[in-house]
Protein backbone atom coordinates (compact mmCIF):
# COMPACT_ATOMS: atom_id res chain seq x y z
CA MET A 1 -52.01 24.79 30.52
CA GLU A 2 -52.44 21.04 29.65
CA LEU A 3 -50.78 20.23 26.05
CA HIS A 4 -51.76 17.37 24.10
CA VAL A 5 -49.65 16.51 20.61
CA VAL A 6 -51.05 15.31 17.64
CA ILE A 7 -48.50 13.78 14.93
CA LEU A 8 -49.46 13.08 11.53
CA ALA A 9 -48.55 10.10 10.18
CA ALA A 10 -50.94 8.35 8.58
CA GLY A 11 -49.62 8.59 4.52
CA LYS A 12 -48.11 5.88 2.08
CA GLY A 13 -45.56 7.89 1.09
CA SER A 14 -45.45 6.57 -2.74
CA ARG A 15 -43.10 8.77 -3.60
CA MET A 16 -41.07 7.16 -1.78
CA LYS A 17 -41.21 3.77 -3.80
CA SER A 18 -41.09 1.60 -0.46
CA LYS A 19 -42.99 -1.24 1.48
CA LEU A 20 -41.88 0.67 3.94
CA PRO A 21 -44.79 3.02 5.44
CA LYS A 22 -43.17 6.62 5.25
CA VAL A 23 -42.53 7.93 8.17
CA LEU A 24 -40.81 4.32 9.10
CA HIS A 25 -37.78 5.25 7.19
CA CYS A 26 -34.44 5.88 9.00
CA VAL A 27 -32.58 9.44 9.72
CA ALA A 28 -29.33 8.35 11.57
CA GLY A 29 -30.50 5.72 12.10
CA LYS A 30 -33.76 6.68 13.59
CA PRO A 31 -36.87 5.99 12.11
CA MET A 32 -38.30 9.77 11.00
CA LEU A 33 -41.81 8.92 13.27
CA GLN A 34 -39.65 8.10 16.46
CA HIS A 35 -37.19 11.53 16.01
CA VAL A 36 -40.45 13.56 15.71
CA ILE A 37 -42.10 11.55 18.97
CA ASP A 38 -38.46 11.99 20.74
CA CYS A 39 -38.85 15.72 20.74
CA ALA A 40 -42.34 16.00 21.49
CA GLN A 41 -41.94 14.54 24.69
CA LYS A 42 -39.15 16.98 25.50
CA LEU A 43 -42.46 19.26 26.38
CA ASN A 44 -43.65 16.90 28.42
CA PRO A 45 -47.13 16.81 27.20
CA SER A 46 -50.07 15.18 28.84
CA LYS A 47 -50.39 12.96 25.96
CA ILE A 48 -49.04 12.62 22.36
CA HIS A 49 -51.93 11.02 20.07
CA VAL A 50 -50.47 9.90 16.59
CA VAL A 51 -52.73 9.60 13.59
CA ILE A 52 -52.06 6.04 11.74
CA GLY A 53 -52.96 4.54 8.56
CA HIS A 54 -51.19 3.03 5.82
CA GLY A 55 -48.39 0.01 7.89
CA SER A 56 -50.08 0.89 10.69
CA GLU A 57 -49.59 -2.39 12.13
CA LEU A 58 -46.06 -2.00 11.36
CA VAL A 59 -45.60 1.46 12.46
CA LYS A 60 -47.29 0.71 15.98
CA SER A 61 -45.08 -2.77 16.58
CA THR A 62 -41.71 -0.80 15.41
CA ILE A 63 -42.09 2.37 17.57
CA ASN A 64 -43.30 0.09 20.53
CA ASP A 65 -44.18 2.35 22.82
CA ASP A 66 -46.66 1.97 25.29
CA SER A 67 -47.38 6.03 25.96
CA ILE A 68 -48.17 6.34 22.73
CA PHE A 69 -52.20 6.99 22.13
CA TRP A 70 -52.66 5.96 18.51
CA VAL A 71 -55.32 7.29 16.39
CA GLN A 72 -56.61 4.96 13.16
CA GLN A 73 -57.78 7.19 10.10
CA LEU A 74 -59.34 4.85 7.77
CA GLU A 75 -59.27 7.54 5.07
CA GLN A 76 -56.78 9.89 3.98
CA LEU A 77 -59.01 12.64 3.32
CA GLY A 78 -56.07 15.51 4.63
CA THR A 79 -54.18 17.20 7.47
CA GLY A 80 -57.72 18.68 8.36
CA HIS A 81 -59.72 15.37 8.61
CA ALA A 82 -56.40 13.79 10.31
CA VAL A 83 -56.40 15.88 13.74
CA ASP A 84 -60.26 15.76 13.87
CA GLN A 85 -59.59 12.10 14.28
CA ALA A 86 -57.55 12.96 17.33
CA LEU A 87 -59.69 15.29 18.82
CA PRO A 88 -62.44 13.24 20.31
CA ASN A 89 -59.88 12.00 23.12
CA ILE A 90 -58.02 16.07 24.10
CA PRO A 91 -60.08 17.89 26.42
CA ALA A 92 -61.37 21.34 24.95
CA SER A 93 -59.64 23.78 27.32
CA ALA A 94 -55.74 21.70 26.58
CA ASN A 95 -53.50 23.41 23.99
CA VAL A 96 -52.82 21.06 20.68
CA LEU A 97 -49.59 21.11 19.25
CA VAL A 98 -50.04 19.45 15.47
CA LEU A 99 -46.44 18.10 14.36
CA TYR A 100 -45.85 15.63 11.75
CA GLY A 101 -44.16 12.54 11.23
CA ASP A 102 -42.20 13.10 8.42
CA VAL A 103 -40.45 16.23 9.72
CA PRO A 104 -37.92 14.54 11.75
CA LEU A 105 -35.45 17.49 12.62
CA ILE A 106 -37.56 20.19 14.81
CA GLU A 107 -36.41 20.96 17.52
CA GLU A 108 -37.81 21.33 21.04
CA SER A 109 -36.76 24.93 21.04
CA THR A 110 -38.26 26.15 18.56
CA LEU A 111 -41.86 24.07 19.10
CA ALA A 112 -41.63 26.03 22.82
CA SER A 113 -41.27 29.04 21.22
CA LEU A 114 -44.59 28.35 18.96
CA LEU A 115 -46.41 27.41 22.29
CA SER A 116 -45.32 30.20 24.13
CA GLU A 117 -47.70 32.57 20.81
CA THR A 118 -50.74 30.27 21.75
CA SER A 119 -53.31 31.70 24.22
CA GLN A 120 -57.28 31.48 24.61
CA SER A 121 -57.21 34.62 21.82
CA ALA A 122 -54.59 33.27 19.48
CA MET A 123 -53.07 30.60 17.73
CA ALA A 124 -49.59 30.11 16.36
CA ILE A 125 -48.37 28.71 13.32
CA LEU A 126 -44.57 27.56 11.80
CA THR A 127 -43.89 29.71 8.74
CA VAL A 128 -40.43 29.75 7.05
CA ALA A 129 -38.76 31.82 4.47
CA LEU A 130 -37.37 30.02 1.15
CA GLU A 131 -36.08 31.04 -1.83
CA ASP A 132 -37.86 28.53 -3.58
CA PRO A 133 -41.19 28.25 -2.39
CA THR A 134 -42.91 26.04 -5.09
CA GLY A 135 -45.37 23.33 -3.41
CA TYR A 136 -45.60 24.76 -0.22
CA GLY A 137 -48.61 27.09 1.16
CA ARG A 138 -48.06 30.78 1.23
CA ILE A 139 -48.47 33.10 4.49
CA VAL A 140 -50.77 35.70 3.26
CA ARG A 141 -50.51 38.90 5.32
CA ASN A 142 -52.78 42.14 4.92
CA ALA A 143 -51.20 45.71 5.71
CA ALA A 144 -50.32 45.77 8.98
CA ASP A 145 -48.34 42.45 7.99
CA GLU A 146 -50.94 40.51 10.18
CA VAL A 147 -51.37 36.69 9.07
CA THR A 148 -54.66 36.19 7.49
CA ALA A 149 -54.89 33.00 5.88
CA ILE A 150 -52.69 30.16 4.03
CA VAL A 151 -53.42 29.58 0.56
CA GLU A 152 -52.08 26.30 -1.08
CA HIS A 153 -49.55 26.54 -3.75
CA LYS A 154 -52.06 24.53 -6.23
CA ASP A 155 -55.08 27.17 -5.51
CA ALA A 156 -52.87 30.36 -5.20
CA THR A 157 -53.30 33.35 -7.36
CA ASP A 158 -50.09 34.41 -9.24
CA ASP A 159 -49.63 37.33 -7.16
CA GLN A 160 -49.80 35.13 -4.37
CA LEU A 161 -47.42 32.57 -6.16
CA SER A 162 -44.78 35.42 -5.63
CA ILE A 163 -44.92 35.34 -1.86
CA ASN A 164 -42.25 33.63 -0.13
CA GLU A 165 -43.35 32.62 3.53
CA VAL A 166 -44.64 29.48 3.51
CA ASN A 167 -46.43 27.16 6.08
CA THR A 168 -44.68 24.04 7.33
CA GLY A 169 -48.08 22.88 8.42
CA ILE A 170 -46.92 22.84 12.26
CA LEU A 171 -49.48 24.72 14.70
CA ALA A 172 -50.21 25.22 18.03
CA ALA A 173 -54.18 25.96 18.99
CA GLN A 174 -56.30 25.35 21.90
CA ALA A 175 -58.48 22.20 21.57
CA ALA A 176 -61.83 24.55 22.05
CA HIS A 177 -61.15 26.37 18.50
CA LEU A 178 -60.13 23.30 17.07
CA LYS A 179 -63.14 21.42 17.97
CA GLN A 180 -65.59 23.96 16.69
CA TRP A 181 -63.13 24.98 13.00
CA LEU A 182 -62.50 21.58 11.83
CA PRO A 183 -66.14 20.35 11.20
CA ALA A 184 -66.63 22.87 9.31
CA LEU A 185 -63.52 22.87 6.64
CA SER A 186 -64.83 21.75 3.11
CA SER A 187 -62.49 19.89 0.70
CA ASP A 188 -63.76 22.29 -2.32
CA ASN A 189 -60.61 22.81 -3.36
CA ALA A 190 -57.71 21.45 -6.12
CA GLN A 191 -57.09 18.81 -4.41
CA GLY A 192 -60.55 17.71 -2.67
CA GLU A 193 -59.14 17.37 0.53
CA TYR A 194 -59.83 18.94 4.05
CA TYR A 195 -56.88 21.41 4.65
CA LEU A 196 -55.88 21.99 8.32
CA THR A 197 -54.81 24.98 7.13
CA ASP A 198 -58.02 26.92 6.21
CA ILE A 199 -58.72 27.25 10.23
CA VAL A 200 -56.13 30.35 9.80
CA SER A 201 -59.20 32.48 7.69
CA MET A 202 -61.95 30.79 10.15
CA ALA A 203 -59.89 31.76 13.19
CA VAL A 204 -59.18 35.72 11.84
CA GLY A 205 -62.81 35.88 11.23
CA GLN A 206 -63.87 35.16 14.74
CA ASP A 207 -60.76 37.94 15.82
CA ILE A 208 -58.53 35.29 16.97
CA ASP A 209 -55.06 36.60 16.54
CA VAL A 210 -52.80 34.40 14.30
CA GLU A 211 -49.22 34.67 15.24
CA ALA A 212 -45.94 33.11 13.50
CA ALA A 213 -43.07 31.58 14.96
CA HIS A 214 -39.95 30.62 12.84
CA PRO A 215 -37.33 27.64 13.40
CA ALA A 216 -33.80 28.41 13.62
CA ALA A 217 -32.46 26.38 10.80
CA VAL A 218 -34.70 25.51 7.07
CA GLU A 219 -33.64 21.86 7.38
CA GLU A 220 -35.63 21.90 10.97
CA VAL A 221 -38.99 22.00 8.96
CA GLN A 222 -38.05 20.43 6.01
CA GLY A 223 -40.48 16.92 5.21
CA VAL A 224 -39.39 14.29 3.51
CA ASN A 225 -41.49 12.80 0.35
CA ASP A 226 -38.49 11.26 -1.72
CA ARG A 227 -35.20 9.24 -1.16
CA LEU A 228 -33.09 12.55 -2.35
CA GLN A 229 -34.96 14.49 0.15
CA LEU A 230 -34.45 11.70 2.74
CA CYS A 231 -30.37 11.59 1.84
CA GLU A 232 -30.43 15.51 1.85
CA LEU A 233 -31.52 15.10 5.93
CA GLU A 234 -29.20 12.67 6.34
CA CYS A 235 -26.47 14.52 5.14
CA TYR A 236 -27.08 17.78 6.89
CA VAL A 237 -27.56 15.64 10.05
CA GLN A 238 -24.09 14.30 9.96
CA SER A 239 -22.73 17.01 9.35
CA GLN A 240 -24.22 18.75 12.08
CA THR A 241 -22.79 16.12 14.46
CA ALA A 242 -19.52 16.15 13.03
CA GLU A 243 -18.94 19.58 13.47
CA GLN A 244 -20.51 19.31 17.57
CA LEU A 245 -17.94 16.00 17.78
CA MET A 246 -14.86 18.80 16.87
CA LEU A 247 -15.98 21.36 18.67
CA ASN A 248 -15.75 19.01 21.50
CA GLY A 249 -12.27 17.98 20.98
CA VAL A 250 -12.86 15.01 18.12
CA SER A 251 -10.35 15.74 15.19
CA LEU A 252 -12.13 13.78 11.96
CA TYR A 253 -9.76 13.14 8.99
CA ASP A 254 -12.74 13.84 6.89
CA PRO A 255 -16.04 14.93 8.38
CA HIS A 256 -18.38 14.28 5.51
CA ARG A 257 -16.92 10.70 5.67
CA ILE A 258 -17.82 9.80 9.34
CA ASP A 259 -22.06 8.37 10.29
CA VAL A 260 -23.23 8.39 13.54
CA ARG A 261 -26.41 6.22 13.78
CA GLY A 262 -27.25 7.02 17.73
CA GLU A 263 -25.72 8.32 20.36
CA ILE A 264 -21.49 9.24 20.47
CA LYS A 265 -20.01 10.55 23.74
CA THR A 266 -16.92 11.39 23.39
CA GLY A 267 -13.60 13.08 25.82
CA SER A 268 -11.06 14.62 24.11
CA ASP A 269 -8.06 13.96 21.81
CA ILE A 270 -9.72 11.74 20.03
CA ILE A 271 -8.72 11.06 15.63
CA ILE A 272 -10.95 9.20 13.80
CA ASP A 273 -10.03 8.03 10.11
CA ILE A 274 -12.54 8.17 7.29
CA ASN A 275 -15.45 5.74 6.67
CA SER A 276 -16.50 4.81 10.20
CA VAL A 277 -19.97 4.25 11.24
CA PHE A 278 -21.08 4.48 15.13
CA VAL A 279 -24.07 3.13 16.00
CA GLY A 280 -26.92 2.88 18.61
CA LYS A 281 -24.79 4.43 21.77
CA VAL A 282 -21.17 4.75 21.83
CA GLU A 283 -18.81 6.20 24.54
CA ILE A 284 -15.16 6.99 23.42
CA GLU A 285 -12.77 8.15 26.15
CA ASP A 286 -10.03 10.50 25.78
CA ASP A 287 -6.44 9.85 23.94
CA VAL A 288 -8.61 6.99 21.30
CA VAL A 289 -7.24 6.95 18.02
CA ILE A 290 -9.83 4.88 15.55
CA GLY A 291 -8.35 3.78 12.14
CA PRO A 292 -10.50 3.46 8.88
CA ASN A 293 -13.74 2.02 8.08
CA CYS A 294 -14.65 0.73 11.29
CA TYR A 295 -18.24 -0.19 12.55
CA ILE A 296 -18.70 0.45 16.19
CA LYS A 297 -22.39 -0.65 18.08
CA ASN A 298 -23.13 -0.08 21.54
CA ALA A 299 -19.83 0.26 23.12
CA LYS A 300 -17.38 1.92 25.42
CA ILE A 301 -13.52 2.20 23.53
CA CYS A 302 -11.34 3.45 27.38
CA GLN A 303 -8.80 6.10 27.27
CA GLY A 304 -5.51 5.70 25.53
CA SER A 305 -7.21 2.51 23.30
CA VAL A 306 -6.41 2.32 19.06
CA ILE A 307 -8.52 0.63 16.46
CA GLN A 308 -6.83 -0.33 13.47
CA ALA A 309 -8.68 -1.07 10.26
CA ASN A 310 -11.43 -2.27 9.26
CA THR A 311 -12.58 -3.81 12.86
CA VAL A 312 -16.31 -4.61 14.07
CA ILE A 313 -17.35 -4.21 17.85
CA GLU A 314 -20.62 -4.69 18.74
CA ASP A 315 -21.80 -4.81 22.34
CA ALA A 316 -18.27 -5.00 23.73
CA ILE A 317 -15.62 -2.69 26.43
CA VAL A 318 -12.73 -2.48 25.09
CA GLY A 319 -10.22 -1.41 28.71
CA ALA A 320 -7.82 1.20 28.62
CA ASN A 321 -4.68 1.50 26.55
CA SER A 322 -5.85 -1.99 24.53
CA ILE A 323 -5.11 -2.03 20.47
CA VAL A 324 -7.79 -3.88 18.29
CA GLY A 325 -7.40 -4.68 14.88
CA PRO A 326 -6.62 -4.54 11.99
CA PHE A 327 -9.97 -6.92 10.51
CA ALA A 328 -10.95 -8.34 14.34
CA ARG A 329 -14.34 -8.64 15.18
CA LEU A 330 -15.50 -8.18 19.32
CA ARG A 331 -18.56 -9.75 19.11
CA PRO A 332 -21.30 -8.52 22.06
CA GLY A 333 -20.27 -9.57 25.64
CA THR A 334 -16.71 -9.30 25.25
CA VAL A 335 -14.72 -6.90 27.50
CA LEU A 336 -11.13 -6.22 27.81
CA ALA A 337 -10.16 -5.55 30.74
CA GLY A 338 -7.21 -3.48 29.40
CA ASP A 339 -3.92 -3.34 28.06
CA ASN A 340 -5.14 -6.41 25.73
CA LYS A 341 -4.23 -7.00 22.37
CA VAL A 342 -6.73 -8.58 19.62
CA GLY A 343 -5.37 -8.88 16.61
CA ASN A 344 -5.84 -9.52 13.02
CA PHE A 345 -8.34 -11.61 12.05
CA VAL A 346 -9.13 -12.42 15.76
CA GLU A 347 -13.13 -13.04 16.51
CA THR A 348 -14.39 -13.32 20.16
CA LYS A 349 -17.88 -13.73 21.64
CA LYS A 350 -18.83 -13.71 25.49
CA ALA A 351 -15.57 -12.71 26.20
CA ILE A 352 -13.96 -12.26 29.26
CA VAL A 353 -10.10 -11.30 28.65
CA GLY A 354 -8.19 -10.22 31.74
CA GLN A 355 -5.28 -7.27 31.89
CA GLY A 356 -2.64 -7.76 29.44
CA SER A 357 -3.50 -10.70 27.72
CA LYS A 358 -3.00 -11.36 23.97
CA ILE A 359 -4.72 -12.72 20.84
CA ASN A 360 -2.70 -11.50 18.06
CA HIS A 361 -4.26 -13.51 15.01
CA LEU A 362 -6.32 -15.53 13.10
CA SER A 363 -7.86 -16.93 16.33
CA TYR A 364 -12.20 -17.52 17.81
CA VAL A 365 -12.26 -17.17 21.44
CA GLY A 366 -16.14 -17.53 22.40
CA ASP A 367 -17.93 -18.18 25.91
CA ALA A 368 -14.29 -17.67 27.24
CA GLU A 369 -12.81 -15.96 29.95
CA LEU A 370 -9.31 -15.63 30.18
CA GLY A 371 -7.11 -14.23 33.06
CA ALA A 372 -4.00 -11.60 33.09
CA ASN A 373 -0.86 -12.21 30.90
CA VAL A 374 -2.84 -14.92 28.33
CA ASN A 375 -0.93 -15.60 25.59
CA VAL A 376 -3.14 -16.72 22.45
CA GLY A 377 -1.32 -18.53 19.84
CA ALA A 378 -2.19 -18.09 16.30
CA GLY A 379 -5.15 -20.46 15.16
CA THR A 380 -6.36 -20.99 18.76
CA ILE A 381 -10.82 -22.06 18.52
CA THR A 382 -12.56 -22.72 21.94
CA CYS A 383 -14.65 -25.03 20.95
CA ASN A 384 -17.78 -24.17 22.77
CA TYR A 385 -20.38 -25.40 20.83
CA ASP A 386 -21.17 -29.38 20.34
CA GLY A 387 -24.73 -28.87 18.46
CA VAL A 388 -27.03 -28.28 21.11
CA ASN A 389 -25.41 -26.08 24.24
CA LYS A 390 -22.72 -23.86 24.54
CA SER A 391 -20.06 -24.63 27.16
CA LYS A 392 -16.85 -22.30 28.73
CA THR A 393 -13.53 -22.03 28.25
CA THR A 394 -11.92 -20.65 31.47
CA LEU A 395 -7.80 -20.00 31.45
CA GLY A 396 -6.02 -18.56 34.48
CA ASP A 397 -3.32 -16.13 34.55
CA ASP A 398 -0.14 -16.00 32.21
CA VAL A 399 -1.24 -19.55 30.37
CA PHE A 400 0.57 -19.82 27.13
CA VAL A 401 -1.46 -21.26 24.15
CA GLY A 402 0.73 -22.89 21.54
CA SER A 403 -0.53 -21.95 17.43
CA ASN A 404 -3.05 -24.23 16.13
CA THR A 405 -4.92 -25.18 19.33
CA SER A 406 -8.09 -26.38 20.04
CA LEU A 407 -9.51 -25.83 23.23
CA VAL A 408 -12.62 -28.31 23.83
CA ALA A 409 -15.49 -26.86 26.15
CA PRO A 410 -15.56 -27.43 29.29
CA VAL A 411 -12.27 -27.10 29.83
CA VAL A 412 -10.22 -24.81 32.52
CA ILE A 413 -6.38 -24.49 31.79
CA SER A 414 -4.94 -23.26 35.32
CA ASN A 415 -2.39 -20.31 36.10
CA GLY A 416 0.98 -20.72 34.58
CA ALA A 417 -0.07 -23.60 31.83
CA THR A 418 1.52 -24.51 28.59
CA ILE A 419 -0.47 -25.50 26.04
CA GLY A 420 2.21 -27.28 22.96
CA ALA A 421 0.97 -25.72 19.57
CA GLY A 422 -1.20 -28.05 17.12
CA SER A 423 -3.10 -30.12 20.63
CA VAL A 424 -6.28 -30.77 20.99
CA ILE A 425 -6.96 -30.06 24.50
CA SER A 426 -10.53 -31.89 25.83
CA GLY A 427 -9.56 -32.11 29.55
CA ASP A 428 -8.05 -30.00 32.22
CA VAL A 429 -4.31 -29.03 33.00
CA LYS A 430 -3.60 -28.02 36.38
CA GLU A 431 -1.37 -25.31 37.06
CA ALA A 432 2.17 -24.76 35.56
CA GLN A 433 1.93 -28.23 33.03
CA LEU A 434 2.46 -28.67 29.66
CA ALA A 435 -0.33 -30.20 28.25
CA VAL A 436 0.62 -31.31 24.34
CA ALA A 437 -2.04 -33.73 22.78
CA ARG A 438 -1.29 -34.68 19.09
CA ALA A 439 -0.63 -37.59 16.97
CA LYS A 440 2.96 -39.12 17.14
CA GLN A 441 4.55 -37.96 13.85
CA ARG A 442 5.70 -40.67 11.08
CA ASN A 443 8.21 -40.63 8.37
CA ILE A 444 7.50 -42.57 5.31
CA ASP A 445 10.50 -43.54 3.09
CA GLY A 446 9.94 -43.99 -0.67
CA TRP A 447 6.73 -42.33 -0.38
CA ASN A 448 5.24 -41.76 -3.90
CA ARG A 449 3.09 -38.89 -4.61
CA PRO A 450 -0.32 -39.20 -6.21
CA VAL A 451 -0.19 -38.67 -9.91
CA LYS A 452 -2.28 -37.34 -12.09
CA LYS A 453 -4.07 -39.66 -14.32
């Protein structure tokens, strides 16, 4: 049967104390709403409808997905009203799954189970048992253990408040039923809103069964109303990720001190020290060691490499058996071919570094291509920017660059050439030549140092 997903994301989230719409706050580096959309897309729905209100233009521009059908809720009059805004664009024959943009960790398997309970004669709700159900709508059952109603906390009697099975808000029903029930909702309640949950009693009154499904973990259905709850989900996601990494063959010195804000693909026999952060898509091959306090974004670290402490790697590839750091920075476009050494306080950008080449310390190499077995001395700079344009520096195989050298691009240093320390090289150097470009030294006798007045 055709499936349409409706995601409610119109609320301001005033308890977040933020200018940012609540659903755009991130868990594991991704907006909560994007988590929900990604999960919904795994179900292959015919269409995903996202109901927006507060900060709607920012929400649309942040998600930036042409496949989403955006629905504007001009007045936030409750969950029932919100779903009703999407119904005109949904055929009566479809199944409708209702999700929430601030419930980011829902799993595909849980939703598949919920949908399997939905039919022409049954709707399905997702419920969970909580030790402290304060604030949640209670699931009311009859003597036959059938769901008969959902009563919101503010409207519940003392007996109903003792129920610990609660409503998550997530449900599935046929569009034809929703088109009949939602216009009949009343706002005569403590909140003065149109509760989506009231359709349960309507279904029971029409002999439509109300089935209940349950998540594998409470965190799947935990909503976010403030930054404390946001932090709770962040900690849960990171603990789950750390656990999976260790099961996959990664040694973590402290699983509580790693952050993965994206996707990480790992081999085996990897060691990751404390406080490292992985952002975007990161691939780490076998036998890699990553020291403490590293930041790695959209990068590939090849087999046997060592990333030493306090290193930043972004949009770069580190070839096999390389050593990077400590305190190195590989900026976007850097590719190390392998067996390389990029040492402390070295910065690279758009640098292709050949097999076995070394930039050991205190250097900047940008817009450059280095051949194999190049040695770049301390304090070397590629002067790649003239204030308007970027130019390229090319070093052939087996080039030796002395310390404190400036290579003024565009310049080509051919195979086997040597650059004397302290040189400013602004012209090409041919194969096997020695280039020295520095002022002649003068020693002045009887020099009197300045003294303070």
